[in-house]
Amino acid sequence: MTESPSPLDGHLRKFKLLSIVIGGAWLLSLLGLTLATANPVTLNRQQILTSDFVVQGRFDPKSRSFKVEKSFPVKILQEQLKFANHNELHVNPDEEYLVPVVSMDRRYYVTPSLMKNLPLVYPAGPESETQLEKLLAEKPLR
């Protein structure tokens, strides 16, 4: 003799399916949030504060120079800079960067971070410029 399925079995199956759909939608929304907010730009405070100035622009791989479009907190006259430590940088020529700069012995260097002594550059954009302005407001005038 075979047992007939109980109406409760149908409701249980629907409940399981609904739980799986809701769980999947929740996971997809978490994935979307993760991708949308992943890797925000965070400027290194000490690196910025120990820099002589910060420039914004693009690297030219052919001339191994940097085309300056803006400078912070002071206006610099050079339209292009060559960095003595350029070979330590990992940059894309199609991107615009914020570059903390220190000058020593009439040469320019990308300011190294104090923790790892590596020169760090940052993607330019509204978020990084806002952070830069806040950090420069903390910097004592020289």
Protein backbone atom coordinates (compact mmCIF):
# COMPACT_ATOMS: atom_id res chain seq x y z
CA MET A 1 0.00 0.00 0.00
CA THR A 2 1.38 3.40 -0.95
CA GLU A 3 0.98 6.44 1.14
CA SER A 4 -0.54 9.49 -0.44
CA PRO A 5 1.53 12.66 -0.09
CA SER A 6 0.37 14.85 2.70
CA PRO A 7 -0.53 18.51 1.96
CA LEU A 8 2.14 19.38 4.48
CA ASP A 9 4.83 17.89 2.16
CA GLY A 10 3.90 20.34 -0.62
CA HIS A 11 4.07 23.31 1.74
CA LEU A 12 7.43 22.12 3.08
CA ARG A 13 8.82 21.83 -0.46
CA LYS A 14 7.61 25.37 -1.28
CA PHE A 15 9.12 26.68 1.94
CA LYS A 16 12.51 25.08 1.15
CA LEU A 17 12.48 26.52 -2.38
CA LEU A 18 11.53 29.97 -1.08
CA SER A 19 14.34 29.78 1.51
CA ILE A 20 16.88 28.89 -1.18
CA VAL A 21 15.72 31.77 -3.43
CA ILE A 22 15.84 34.30 -0.58
CA GLY A 23 19.26 33.05 0.53
CA GLY A 24 20.60 33.25 -3.04
CA ALA A 25 19.25 36.79 -3.47
CA TRP A 26 20.84 37.82 -0.17
CA LEU A 27 24.23 36.36 -1.20
CA LEU A 28 24.04 38.13 -4.57
CA SER A 29 23.28 41.44 -2.89
CA LEU A 30 26.28 40.95 -0.55
CA LEU A 31 28.48 40.18 -3.55
CA GLY A 32 27.24 43.35 -5.28
CA LEU A 33 28.00 45.44 -2.19
CA THR A 34 31.46 43.91 -1.93
CA LEU A 35 32.29 44.66 -5.56
CA ALA A 36 30.89 48.18 -5.39
CA THR A 37 32.85 49.15 -2.28
CA ALA A 38 35.98 47.03 -2.63
CA ASN A 39 39.43 48.60 -2.42
CA PRO A 40 38.68 52.20 -1.53
CA VAL A 41 41.67 54.50 -1.92
CA THR A 42 43.35 55.26 1.40
CA LEU A 43 46.21 57.73 1.41
CA ASN A 44 49.16 57.07 3.71
CA ARG A 45 48.98 59.91 6.24
CA GLN A 46 52.67 59.92 7.21
CA GLN A 47 53.77 59.77 3.58
CA ILE A 48 51.64 62.80 2.69
CA LEU A 49 52.68 64.80 5.75
CA THR A 50 56.40 64.19 5.17
CA SER A 51 56.20 65.13 1.48
CA ASP A 52 57.31 68.53 0.19
CA PHE A 53 54.29 68.63 -2.11
CA VAL A 54 51.88 66.35 -3.99
CA VAL A 55 51.31 66.36 -7.75
CA GLN A 56 48.46 65.04 -9.84
CA GLY A 57 48.94 63.87 -13.41
CA ARG A 58 50.08 61.00 -15.62
CA PHE A 59 53.26 59.02 -16.13
CA ASP A 60 54.78 58.97 -19.61
CA PRO A 61 56.46 55.60 -20.15
CA LYS A 62 58.52 56.81 -23.14
CA SER A 63 60.22 59.72 -21.42
CA ARG A 64 59.96 58.14 -17.95
CA SER A 65 58.61 61.44 -16.69
CA PHE A 66 55.45 62.63 -14.98
CA LYS A 67 53.22 65.25 -16.61
CA VAL A 68 51.99 67.54 -13.84
CA GLU A 69 48.37 68.68 -14.13
CA LYS A 70 47.89 69.97 -10.55
CA SER A 71 49.99 70.40 -7.44
CA PHE A 72 49.11 70.59 -3.74
CA PRO A 73 49.38 72.57 -1.46
CA VAL A 74 51.58 74.90 -3.53
CA LYS A 75 51.71 75.61 -7.25
CA ILE A 76 54.90 74.26 -8.81
CA LEU A 77 56.28 75.69 -12.04
CA GLN A 78 57.50 72.45 -13.63
CA GLU A 79 55.16 70.87 -16.14
CA GLN A 80 57.08 67.59 -16.02
CA LEU A 81 59.01 65.86 -13.28
CA LYS A 82 61.48 63.00 -13.45
CA PHE A 83 61.63 60.84 -10.36
CA ALA A 84 64.95 59.34 -9.30
CA ASN A 85 63.08 56.28 -7.97
CA HIS A 86 60.83 55.85 -11.05
CA ASN A 87 62.02 52.24 -11.55
CA GLU A 88 60.42 51.28 -8.20
CA LEU A 89 56.94 52.36 -9.32
CA HIS A 90 54.21 50.17 -10.75
CA VAL A 91 51.96 52.49 -12.74
CA ASN A 92 49.65 52.41 -15.73
CA PRO A 93 50.27 55.22 -18.25
CA ASP A 94 46.53 55.47 -18.95
CA GLU A 95 45.67 56.41 -15.37
CA GLU A 96 45.89 59.65 -13.45
CA TYR A 97 47.72 59.56 -10.13
CA LEU A 98 48.34 61.56 -6.98
CA VAL A 99 52.06 61.43 -6.25
CA PRO A 100 53.63 62.59 -2.96
CA VAL A 101 57.01 64.19 -3.73
CA VAL A 102 60.12 64.91 -1.73
CA SER A 103 63.15 66.69 -3.15
CA MET A 104 66.71 65.90 -2.07
CA ASP A 105 69.97 67.03 -3.64
CA ARG A 106 68.10 68.76 -6.49
CA ARG A 107 66.38 65.51 -7.44
CA TYR A 108 62.73 64.51 -7.06
CA TYR A 109 61.61 61.28 -5.44
CA VAL A 110 58.22 59.74 -4.89
CA THR A 111 58.04 59.93 -1.12
CA PRO A 112 58.55 56.46 0.33
CA SER A 113 56.12 55.16 2.93
CA LEU A 114 57.70 55.04 6.37
CA MET A 115 56.60 51.48 7.13
CA LYS A 116 57.98 49.61 4.14
CA ASN A 117 60.16 52.32 2.58
CA LEU A 118 58.33 51.86 -0.74
CA PRO A 119 57.24 54.75 -2.94
CA LEU A 120 53.45 54.75 -3.08
CA VAL A 121 51.27 56.54 -5.63
CA TYR A 122 47.47 56.73 -5.57
CA PRO A 123 44.75 56.75 -8.24
CA ALA A 124 43.47 60.30 -8.63
CA GLY A 125 39.78 60.99 -8.20
CA PRO A 126 37.33 62.94 -6.08
CA GLU A 127 37.65 60.58 -3.12
CA SER A 128 41.46 60.67 -3.02
CA GLU A 129 41.52 64.47 -3.55
CA THR A 130 39.14 64.94 -0.61
CA GLN A 131 41.38 62.78 1.59
CA LEU A 132 44.44 64.71 0.40
CA GLU A 133 42.89 68.07 1.25
CA LYS A 134 42.00 66.85 4.76
CA LEU A 135 45.53 65.54 5.32
CA LEU A 136 47.17 68.71 4.00
CA ALA A 137 45.01 70.77 6.37
CA GLU A 138 46.82 68.96 9.24
CA LYS A 139 50.25 69.73 7.82
CA PRO A 140 52.16 72.56 9.50
CA LEU A 141 53.41 75.26 7.14
CA ARG A 142 57.15 75.21 6.45
